[in-house]
């Protein structure tokens, strides 16, 4: 939680894109006896991945190696499969968010009620993430226009201020 140019409360869980990809690949192996690469799992996540149970983003044909026969096989996976696969890592994320919000000072919580949450980073682009967080937090949740670019854009802004702390203190996120 950030306010007035600084971090008020923070927590971190070591669950990110690669963990979600691994969870998708493991789910497909368990459910369909099919081994897929990390790249295929990532493609599934970006194409039809859903973190919200009521969001149907369709289905997708994928190929992999059948665990039993060792031969190539084609199956169809659904966005429901991706939700099931990612549910455990998502629970960790949601619990971290809930704990952080519970530990946020009341005056900042009032700002959150008014302004909501702005999602940045690659996870913000996951299908249904804003809906899920709205349901979990009971706050308005919005995603940045280009969430995957926010971190690098912020680092770029910090580099512009190198050597000029006064300028950095006047910096406001765009």
Protein backbone atom coordinates (compact mmCIF):
# COMPACT_ATOMS: atom_id res chain seq x y z
CA UNK A 1 0.00 0.00 0.00
CA UNK A 2 1.51 3.28 -1.10
CA UNK A 3 0.54 6.76 -0.03
CA UNK A 4 2.14 10.20 -0.22
CA UNK A 5 5.05 8.88 -2.26
CA UNK A 6 6.01 6.09 0.11
CA UNK A 7 5.27 2.54 1.14
CA UNK A 8 2.83 2.31 4.06
CA UNK A 9 2.38 -1.48 4.24
CA UNK A 10 3.86 -4.28 2.18
CA UNK A 11 4.05 -8.03 2.06
CA UNK A 12 5.45 -10.41 -0.46
CA UNK A 13 4.79 -13.98 -1.50
CA UNK A 14 7.10 -15.80 -3.83
CA UNK A 15 4.37 -16.67 -6.31
CA UNK A 16 4.55 -15.17 -9.78
CA UNK A 17 4.25 -15.96 -13.47
CA UNK A 18 6.59 -18.96 -13.47
CA UNK A 19 4.79 -20.50 -10.50
CA UNK A 20 1.48 -20.11 -12.30
CA UNK A 21 2.95 -21.67 -15.45
CA UNK A 22 4.26 -24.59 -13.40
CA UNK A 23 0.85 -25.00 -11.74
CA UNK A 24 -0.85 -25.15 -15.15
CA UNK A 25 1.65 -27.71 -16.48
CA UNK A 26 1.26 -29.85 -13.32
CA UNK A 27 -2.55 -29.69 -13.54
CA UNK A 28 -2.52 -30.80 -17.18
CA UNK A 29 -0.21 -33.67 -16.30
CA UNK A 30 -2.46 -34.79 -13.41
CA UNK A 31 -5.78 -34.37 -15.18
CA UNK A 32 -4.89 -35.36 -18.75
CA UNK A 33 -1.67 -37.43 -18.34
CA UNK A 34 -0.03 -34.97 -20.71
CA UNK A 35 3.38 -33.33 -20.31
CA UNK A 36 3.61 -29.80 -21.69
CA UNK A 37 6.49 -27.34 -21.75
CA UNK A 38 6.67 -24.18 -19.66
CA UNK A 39 6.23 -22.19 -22.86
CA UNK A 40 2.99 -24.04 -23.66
CA UNK A 41 1.74 -23.46 -20.10
CA UNK A 42 2.53 -19.75 -20.43
CA UNK A 43 0.70 -19.58 -23.77
CA UNK A 44 -2.33 -21.21 -22.15
CA UNK A 45 -2.18 -18.73 -19.26
CA UNK A 46 -2.05 -15.71 -21.57
CA UNK A 47 -4.58 -17.01 -24.11
CA UNK A 48 -7.36 -18.48 -21.98
CA UNK A 49 -6.11 -18.20 -18.39
CA UNK A 50 -8.71 -17.22 -15.84
CA UNK A 51 -8.28 -16.53 -12.13
CA UNK A 52 -11.98 -15.91 -11.66
CA UNK A 53 -14.28 -18.95 -11.59
CA UNK A 54 -17.18 -17.27 -13.41
CA UNK A 55 -15.04 -15.97 -16.28
CA UNK A 56 -15.05 -18.28 -19.29
CA UNK A 57 -12.28 -17.34 -21.72
CA UNK A 58 -12.92 -20.33 -23.97
CA UNK A 59 -10.78 -23.31 -24.75
CA UNK A 60 -7.59 -24.13 -26.60
CA UNK A 61 -6.08 -27.14 -28.34
CA UNK A 62 -2.62 -28.02 -27.13
CA UNK A 63 -0.10 -30.74 -27.87
CA UNK A 64 2.18 -32.54 -25.52
CA UNK A 65 3.61 -35.94 -24.73
CA UNK A 66 1.30 -38.57 -23.31
CA UNK A 67 2.74 -39.73 -19.98
CA UNK A 68 1.53 -43.31 -20.47
CA UNK A 69 2.37 -44.01 -24.13
CA UNK A 70 5.14 -41.45 -24.62
CA UNK A 71 3.51 -40.39 -27.90
CA UNK A 72 2.41 -36.93 -28.96
CA UNK A 73 -1.20 -36.20 -28.18
CA UNK A 74 -3.58 -33.27 -28.75
CA UNK A 75 -6.17 -32.29 -26.15
CA UNK A 76 -8.46 -29.34 -25.49
CA UNK A 77 -8.03 -27.37 -22.26
CA UNK A 78 -10.50 -24.83 -20.94
CA UNK A 79 -10.24 -21.63 -18.98
CA UNK A 80 -11.82 -23.60 -16.10
CA UNK A 81 -8.73 -25.84 -16.19
CA UNK A 82 -6.52 -22.78 -15.74
CA UNK A 83 -8.60 -21.56 -12.81
CA UNK A 84 -8.35 -24.96 -11.13
CA UNK A 85 -4.61 -25.08 -11.80
CA UNK A 86 -3.86 -21.62 -10.45
CA UNK A 87 -6.21 -21.70 -7.45
CA UNK A 88 -3.58 -22.73 -4.87
CA UNK A 89 -1.02 -20.04 -5.78
CA UNK A 90 -3.89 -17.53 -6.02
CA UNK A 91 -4.99 -18.35 -2.48
CA UNK A 92 -1.50 -17.42 -1.26
CA UNK A 93 -1.68 -14.13 -3.15
CA UNK A 94 -5.16 -13.28 -1.88
CA UNK A 95 -4.21 -14.07 1.72
CA UNK A 96 -1.17 -11.79 1.45
CA UNK A 97 -3.33 -8.97 0.06
CA UNK A 98 -5.96 -9.46 2.76
CA UNK A 99 -3.32 -9.42 5.54
CA UNK A 100 -1.69 -6.29 4.11
CA UNK A 101 -5.02 -4.47 3.97
CA UNK A 102 -5.90 -5.55 7.52
CA UNK A 103 -2.62 -4.04 8.75
CA UNK A 104 -3.06 -0.75 6.88
CA UNK A 105 -3.64 2.31 9.11
CA UNK A 106 -7.29 3.48 9.22
CA UNK A 107 -6.63 6.85 7.56
CA UNK A 108 -5.04 5.09 4.57
CA UNK A 109 -7.86 2.51 4.51
CA UNK A 110 -10.27 5.40 4.07
CA UNK A 111 -8.30 6.47 0.99
CA UNK A 112 -8.50 2.92 -0.36
CA UNK A 113 -12.28 2.97 0.05
CA UNK A 114 -12.40 6.19 -1.95
CA UNK A 115 -9.75 5.49 -4.61
CA UNK A 116 -9.59 1.70 -4.77
CA UNK A 117 -6.66 -0.44 -5.83
CA UNK A 118 -4.56 -0.05 -8.96
CA UNK A 119 -3.02 -3.28 -10.26
CA UNK A 120 0.35 -3.25 -11.98
CA UNK A 121 2.67 -5.95 -13.27
CA UNK A 122 2.03 -9.03 -15.37
CA UNK A 123 -0.44 -10.55 -12.90
CA UNK A 124 -2.81 -7.65 -13.53
CA UNK A 125 -3.29 -8.92 -17.08
CA UNK A 126 -4.58 -12.33 -15.95
CA UNK A 127 -8.18 -12.88 -16.94
CA UNK A 128 -10.53 -11.94 -14.12
CA UNK A 129 -7.90 -10.56 -11.71
CA UNK A 130 -9.76 -7.28 -11.14
CA UNK A 131 -13.03 -9.18 -10.56
CA UNK A 132 -11.39 -11.58 -8.12
CA UNK A 133 -9.72 -8.81 -6.12
CA UNK A 134 -12.91 -6.76 -6.04
CA UNK A 135 -14.73 -9.76 -4.58
CA UNK A 136 -11.98 -10.53 -2.05
CA UNK A 137 -11.31 -6.96 -0.87
CA UNK A 138 -14.71 -5.30 -1.40
CA UNK A 139 -12.82 -2.36 -2.96
CA UNK A 140 -12.85 -0.90 -6.46
CA UNK A 141 -10.00 -2.53 -8.36
CA UNK A 142 -8.59 -1.17 -11.61
CA UNK A 143 -5.75 -2.31 -13.83
CA UNK A 144 -3.13 0.06 -15.24
CA UNK A 145 -3.47 0.62 -18.98
CA UNK A 146 -0.22 -1.27 -19.65
CA UNK A 147 0.33 -3.13 -16.37
CA UNK A 148 3.28 -5.21 -17.61
CA UNK A 149 5.22 -2.01 -18.40
CA UNK A 150 4.74 -0.29 -15.02
CA UNK A 151 7.80 -1.69 -13.25
CA UNK A 152 10.23 -0.82 -16.01
CA UNK A 153 8.62 2.60 -16.49
CA UNK A 154 9.03 3.28 -12.76
CA UNK A 155 12.68 2.26 -12.86
CA UNK A 156 13.16 4.58 -15.83
CA UNK A 157 11.63 7.46 -13.86
CA UNK A 158 13.92 6.74 -10.91
CA UNK A 159 16.95 6.79 -13.19
CA UNK A 160 15.89 10.22 -14.48
CA UNK A 161 16.11 11.51 -10.89
CA UNK A 162 19.54 10.03 -10.16
CA UNK A 163 21.59 12.51 -8.16
CA UNK A 164 18.70 14.90 -7.56
CA UNK A 165 16.83 13.88 -4.37
CA UNK A 166 14.71 17.05 -4.44
CA UNK A 167 13.36 16.09 -7.85
CA UNK A 168 12.70 12.54 -6.67
CA UNK A 169 10.66 13.80 -3.70
CA UNK A 170 8.41 15.78 -6.08
CA UNK A 171 7.84 12.75 -8.32
CA UNK A 172 4.23 11.61 -8.62
CA UNK A 173 3.20 8.42 -10.38
CA UNK A 174 1.45 9.00 -13.68
